[in-house]
Amino acid sequence: MQNNLKKPLTYEQQLEHLIVDKKLNVENRDNALLILKHNNYYRLSGYMIDFFR
């Protein structure tokens, strides 16, 4: 059986993905990391859907 699970990303890697791949404008990386740690990536990415339309 093949394992198709993605490797987990650190908070820093998740933030980098949001900035580079999703073109999220971040003025304060430390604050963005704090928010990401409290409101995980998937919760934030759901709110960003409207911004990409």
Protein backbone atom coordinates (compact mmCIF):
# COMPACT_ATOMS: atom_id res chain seq x y z
CA MET A 1 0.00 0.00 0.00
CA GLN A 2 1.40 3.37 -1.02
CA ASN A 3 1.45 6.25 1.47
CA ASN A 4 0.14 9.43 -0.23
CA LEU A 5 0.16 11.64 2.85
CA LYS A 6 1.85 15.01 2.61
CA LYS A 7 4.63 15.75 5.05
CA PRO A 8 3.57 18.27 7.71
CA LEU A 9 4.92 21.81 7.31
CA THR A 10 6.23 24.00 10.09
CA TYR A 11 4.42 27.25 10.80
CA GLU A 12 7.21 29.09 9.06
CA GLN A 13 6.83 26.89 5.95
CA GLN A 14 3.06 27.37 5.98
CA LEU A 15 3.50 31.14 6.15
CA GLU A 16 6.00 31.03 3.31
CA HIS A 17 3.50 29.04 1.22
CA LEU A 18 0.81 31.66 1.88
CA ILE A 19 3.15 34.50 0.93
CA VAL A 20 4.79 32.96 -2.15
CA ASP A 21 2.18 30.65 -3.64
CA LYS A 22 -1.03 32.37 -2.51
CA LYS A 23 0.36 35.93 -2.86
CA LEU A 24 -0.66 36.93 0.66
CA ASN A 25 0.69 40.36 1.60
CA VAL A 26 2.25 40.15 5.07
CA GLU A 27 3.65 43.28 6.70
CA ASN A 28 4.61 41.71 10.04
CA ARG A 29 5.87 38.10 9.82
CA ASP A 30 6.05 37.64 13.60
CA ASN A 31 2.43 38.67 14.02
CA ALA A 32 1.39 36.52 11.04
CA LEU A 33 3.11 33.49 12.62
CA LEU A 34 1.31 34.14 15.91
CA ILE A 35 -2.05 34.30 14.13
CA LEU A 36 -1.25 31.15 12.14
CA LYS A 37 -0.36 29.27 15.32
CA HIS A 38 -3.69 30.22 16.92
CA ASN A 39 -5.91 29.83 13.82
CA ASN A 40 -4.41 27.03 11.73
CA TYR A 41 -3.67 27.22 7.99
CA TYR A 42 -6.87 25.52 6.85
CA ARG A 43 -9.07 27.89 8.83
CA LEU A 44 -7.27 30.91 7.33
CA SER A 45 -7.24 29.54 3.79
CA GLY A 46 -11.03 29.17 3.90
CA TYR A 47 -11.40 32.90 4.60
CA MET A 48 -9.09 33.78 1.69
CA ILE A 49 -11.25 32.13 -0.98
CA ASP A 50 -13.19 35.36 -1.60
CA PHE A 51 -9.96 37.28 -2.17
CA PHE A 52 -9.00 35.03 -5.10
CA ARG A 53 -12.23 35.53 -7.07
